[in-house]
Amino acid sequence: MSEQSLFAKLRAAFVAGLFMLAPIAVTLIVANWLLQQVGGRFRNYFFFYVPEDWLANPNMALVWNLASTLIVVVLITALGIFSRWVLGKYFGGVAERFISNIPGVSAIYSTVKQIVTTFSSTGRSVFQKVVLIQFPRKGVYAIGFLTSVAQGEVQAKTAEEVWTIFVPTTPNPTSGYLAMVPRSEVVELQMSIGDGMKLVISGGAVSPPYPYATPVVIMNPAEPAQIS
């Protein structure tokens, strides 16, 4: 082994060790700065009852700074909980009642709130399964999500059973198109809702492997599937 090759390997090992230690060093520096800035400033207020020679002992400085910092963190957390669950609910309710009394704005607000509530629901999934439909024209296929089997006037005025399909846009799936598609023209896919979303958001770059290692049960549209 030549001296140049040995030097190159030692240099690479040094750089690798440096990159491994850098995050640890930065973390320690930041933690030490926080302990001095936060704990050092407030320890005299929190531990005023402690004898001065104990509090000023340099060997105990880390202990007092750490304890003071933890107390500050607890107090800030408690303040956040109070403001979120007490003040937030009170003022949020007042603001909502105020907006609801503004003509025109109240209709927009209630619609947006209903949409947000629907898509942020943790109790059930908005989408039931991933499907494939010809959209926006025959011969062109698009990934869609079955939201429901059409009912009411839409179903009453169509010749055959139609499914309500949401076709999201890429890479922002929060917007898209609503399509009422005949059941016979909907191709049900076995991929999960999560895999379907990854496929849409990535613009087709992230595609789940197929065939699947384990059989996937196609659920009845009346029984919504949970997002994986």
Protein backbone atom coordinates (compact mmCIF):
# COMPACT_ATOMS: atom_id res chain seq x y z
CA MET A 1 0.00 0.00 0.00
CA SER A 2 1.45 3.35 -1.06
CA GLU A 3 1.87 6.26 1.34
CA GLN A 4 -0.53 8.36 -0.75
CA SER A 5 -3.23 5.68 -0.58
CA LEU A 6 -2.77 5.31 3.17
CA PHE A 7 -2.96 9.08 3.63
CA ALA A 8 -6.16 9.23 1.56
CA LYS A 9 -7.79 6.53 3.69
CA LEU A 10 -6.73 8.23 6.93
CA ARG A 11 -8.06 11.56 5.67
CA ALA A 12 -11.40 9.94 4.70
CA ALA A 13 -11.62 8.29 8.13
CA PHE A 14 -10.91 11.63 9.83
CA VAL A 15 -13.58 13.41 7.81
CA ALA A 16 -16.08 10.62 8.58
CA GLY A 17 -15.30 10.89 12.30
CA LEU A 18 -15.62 14.66 12.12
CA PHE A 19 -19.04 14.45 10.51
CA MET A 20 -20.11 11.95 13.17
CA LEU A 21 -18.98 14.16 16.05
CA ALA A 22 -20.22 17.47 14.60
CA PRO A 23 -23.94 16.96 15.46
CA ILE A 24 -23.03 15.86 18.98
CA ALA A 25 -20.75 18.87 19.47
CA VAL A 26 -23.36 21.30 18.16
CA THR A 27 -26.01 19.74 20.41
CA LEU A 28 -23.78 20.08 23.47
CA ILE A 29 -22.92 23.69 22.63
CA VAL A 30 -26.57 24.64 22.16
CA ALA A 31 -27.62 22.79 25.33
CA ASN A 32 -24.87 24.49 27.36
CA TRP A 33 -25.88 27.90 25.97
CA LEU A 34 -29.52 27.30 26.88
CA LEU A 35 -28.62 26.16 30.39
CA GLN A 36 -26.53 29.27 30.96
CA GLN A 37 -28.98 31.72 29.38
CA VAL A 38 -32.16 30.27 30.86
CA GLY A 39 -31.08 28.45 34.00
CA GLY A 40 -28.41 31.00 34.88
CA ARG A 41 -30.87 33.88 34.65
CA PHE A 42 -33.68 32.34 36.68
CA ARG A 43 -31.99 30.17 39.27
CA ASN A 44 -31.74 33.03 41.76
CA TYR A 45 -35.52 33.54 41.47
CA PHE A 46 -36.46 29.86 41.76
CA PHE A 47 -33.96 28.96 44.49
CA PHE A 48 -33.87 32.15 46.54
CA TYR A 49 -34.29 30.07 49.70
CA VAL A 50 -31.10 28.10 49.05
CA PRO A 51 -28.01 29.28 50.98
CA GLU A 52 -25.84 31.64 48.92
CA ASP A 53 -22.70 29.54 49.25
CA TRP A 54 -24.54 26.52 47.82
CA LEU A 55 -26.06 28.52 44.97
CA ALA A 56 -22.74 30.19 44.08
CA ASN A 57 -20.74 26.96 44.27
CA PRO A 58 -19.26 26.48 40.74
CA ASN A 59 -19.37 22.71 41.17
CA MET A 60 -23.15 22.91 41.60
CA ALA A 61 -23.77 25.43 38.78
CA LEU A 62 -24.80 22.75 36.28
CA VAL A 63 -27.33 21.28 38.71
CA TRP A 64 -28.98 24.63 39.49
CA ASN A 65 -29.01 25.67 35.81
CA LEU A 66 -30.53 22.38 34.73
CA ALA A 67 -33.20 22.49 37.44
CA SER A 68 -34.07 26.11 36.59
CA THR A 69 -34.30 25.32 32.87
CA LEU A 70 -36.65 22.40 33.55
CA ILE A 71 -38.87 24.63 35.68
CA VAL A 72 -39.01 27.21 32.87
CA VAL A 73 -39.94 24.49 30.36
CA VAL A 74 -42.72 23.22 32.65
CA LEU A 75 -44.10 26.73 33.17
CA ILE A 76 -44.11 27.50 29.43
CA THR A 77 -45.85 24.19 28.71
CA ALA A 78 -48.47 24.89 31.36
CA LEU A 79 -49.04 28.36 29.91
CA GLY A 80 -49.45 26.85 26.45
CA ILE A 81 -51.99 24.31 27.70
CA PHE A 82 -53.93 27.03 29.50
CA SER A 83 -53.97 29.37 26.48
CA ARG A 84 -54.92 26.57 24.09
CA TRP A 85 -57.66 24.84 26.04
CA VAL A 86 -59.08 27.71 28.08
CA LEU A 87 -58.43 31.03 26.37
CA GLY A 88 -58.35 29.46 22.91
CA LYS A 89 -61.77 27.87 23.27
CA TYR A 90 -63.31 31.00 24.76
CA PHE A 91 -61.97 33.51 22.24
CA GLY A 92 -62.35 30.99 19.42
CA GLY A 93 -66.02 30.63 20.23
CA VAL A 94 -66.48 34.41 20.39
CA ALA A 95 -64.71 34.89 17.03
CA GLU A 96 -66.77 32.13 15.42
CA ARG A 97 -70.04 33.67 16.60
CA PHE A 98 -68.89 37.05 15.31
CA ILE A 99 -68.04 35.65 11.86
CA SER A 100 -71.30 33.70 11.71
CA ASN A 101 -73.23 36.98 12.03
CA ILE A 102 -71.56 38.61 9.01
CA PRO A 103 -73.77 38.25 5.89
CA GLY A 104 -72.03 36.45 3.03
CA VAL A 105 -68.91 35.69 5.05
CA SER A 106 -70.82 33.28 7.29
CA ALA A 107 -71.76 31.06 4.32
CA ILE A 108 -68.16 30.88 3.11
CA TYR A 109 -66.87 30.23 6.61
CA SER A 110 -69.33 27.42 7.32
CA THR A 111 -68.54 25.74 3.98
CA VAL A 112 -64.78 25.87 4.51
CA LYS A 113 -65.17 24.67 8.09
CA GLN A 114 -67.26 21.70 6.94
CA ILE A 115 -64.62 20.74 4.36
CA VAL A 116 -61.78 21.01 6.87
CA THR A 117 -63.71 19.01 9.45
CA THR A 118 -64.45 16.29 6.90
CA PHE A 119 -60.86 15.90 5.73
CA SER A 120 -59.39 16.09 9.24
CA SER A 121 -61.77 13.55 10.70
CA THR A 122 -59.89 10.94 12.73
CA GLY A 123 -62.85 8.67 13.29
CA ARG A 124 -63.28 7.56 9.70
CA SER A 125 -61.68 7.76 6.31
CA VAL A 126 -63.09 10.09 3.66
CA PHE A 127 -61.78 7.82 0.91
CA GLN A 128 -62.95 4.22 0.68
CA LYS A 129 -60.62 2.78 -1.96
CA VAL A 130 -58.32 3.65 -4.83
CA VAL A 131 -59.81 3.37 -8.30
CA LEU A 132 -58.85 3.95 -11.92
CA ILE A 133 -61.11 5.86 -14.28
CA GLN A 134 -60.84 7.30 -17.78
CA PHE A 135 -60.38 11.00 -17.13
CA PRO A 136 -60.50 13.68 -18.52
CA ARG A 137 -61.35 11.77 -21.73
CA LYS A 138 -61.65 8.24 -23.04
CA GLY A 139 -58.31 6.51 -23.37
CA VAL A 140 -56.62 8.57 -20.65
CA TYR A 141 -56.55 7.05 -17.17
CA ALA A 142 -56.39 8.85 -13.83
CA ILE A 143 -56.04 7.74 -10.23
CA GLY A 144 -59.12 8.53 -8.18
CA PHE A 145 -60.54 7.83 -4.74
CA LEU A 146 -64.00 6.45 -4.17
CA THR A 147 -65.81 8.70 -1.69
CA SER A 148 -69.31 7.25 -1.84
CA VAL A 149 -71.91 5.51 -3.94
CA ALA A 150 -74.06 8.26 -5.44
CA GLN A 151 -77.46 8.66 -3.83
CA GLY A 152 -80.44 10.96 -3.98
CA GLU A 153 -81.18 12.99 -7.09
CA VAL A 154 -77.90 12.13 -8.83
CA GLN A 155 -78.58 8.41 -8.65
CA ALA A 156 -82.28 8.81 -9.40
CA LYS A 157 -81.60 10.60 -12.68
CA THR A 158 -78.92 8.25 -14.02
CA ALA A 159 -79.59 5.08 -15.96
CA GLU A 160 -77.16 2.94 -13.98
CA GLU A 161 -75.42 2.91 -10.64
CA VAL A 162 -72.82 5.67 -10.38
CA TRP A 163 -69.93 6.07 -7.98
CA THR A 164 -68.65 9.39 -6.66
CA ILE A 165 -64.94 9.65 -7.45
CA PHE A 166 -62.53 12.33 -6.28
CA VAL A 167 -59.66 12.86 -8.76
CA PRO A 168 -56.86 14.77 -6.97
CA THR A 169 -54.35 17.05 -8.65
CA THR A 170 -50.59 16.51 -8.54
CA PRO A 171 -48.61 17.32 -6.41
CA ASN A 172 -51.29 19.04 -4.28
CA PRO A 173 -54.01 16.43 -3.58
CA THR A 174 -56.16 18.86 -1.57
CA SER A 175 -57.61 20.16 -4.84
CA GLY A 176 -59.10 18.09 -7.62
CA TYR A 177 -62.21 17.15 -9.54
CA LEU A 178 -65.45 15.48 -8.56
CA ALA A 179 -66.65 12.88 -11.08
CA MET A 180 -69.84 10.81 -11.09
CA VAL A 181 -68.75 7.67 -12.95
CA PRO A 182 -70.85 4.64 -13.91
CA ARG A 183 -69.94 1.64 -11.79
CA SER A 184 -69.12 -0.40 -14.92
CA GLU A 185 -66.40 2.11 -15.92
CA VAL A 186 -64.61 2.11 -12.56
CA VAL A 187 -61.58 -0.16 -12.14
CA GLU A 188 -60.96 -0.99 -8.48
CA LEU A 189 -57.30 -1.13 -7.45
CA GLN A 190 -55.79 -3.19 -4.64
CA MET A 191 -53.29 -0.57 -3.45
CA SER A 192 -53.95 1.09 -0.11
CA ILE A 193 -55.18 4.66 0.27
CA GLY A 194 -51.72 5.65 1.53
CA ASP A 195 -49.98 4.13 -1.51
CA GLY A 196 -52.46 5.87 -3.78
CA MET A 197 -51.70 9.21 -2.17
CA LYS A 198 -47.95 8.62 -2.51
CA LEU A 199 -48.46 7.86 -6.19
CA VAL A 200 -50.39 11.08 -6.73
CA ILE A 201 -48.15 13.38 -4.67
CA SER A 202 -44.95 12.05 -6.30
CA GLY A 203 -46.38 12.51 -9.77
CA GLY A 204 -46.09 8.77 -10.41
CA ALA A 205 -42.45 8.54 -9.29
CA VAL A 206 -43.32 6.46 -6.21
CA SER A 207 -45.38 3.48 -7.30
CA PRO A 208 -46.20 0.56 -4.98
CA PRO A 209 -44.82 -2.84 -6.11
CA TYR A 210 -47.19 -5.20 -7.85
CA PRO A 211 -48.28 -7.96 -7.48
CA TYR A 212 -48.61 -7.64 -3.73
CA ALA A 213 -46.90 -10.10 -1.44
CA THR A 214 -50.11 -10.70 0.50
CA PRO A 215 -53.66 -10.73 -0.85
CA VAL A 216 -55.53 -7.45 -0.44
CA VAL A 217 -59.22 -7.66 0.34
CA ILE A 218 -61.40 -5.43 -1.82
CA MET A 219 -63.95 -3.97 0.54
CA ASN A 220 -67.56 -3.25 -0.14
CA PRO A 221 -68.12 0.46 -0.96
CA ALA A 222 -70.60 0.62 1.89
CA GLU A 223 -67.79 -0.26 4.31
CA PRO A 224 -65.16 2.55 4.24
CA ALA A 225 -61.54 1.45 4.50
CA GLN A 226 -59.20 3.15 6.92
CA ILE A 227 -56.24 5.11 5.56
CA SER A 228 -53.05 3.17 6.16
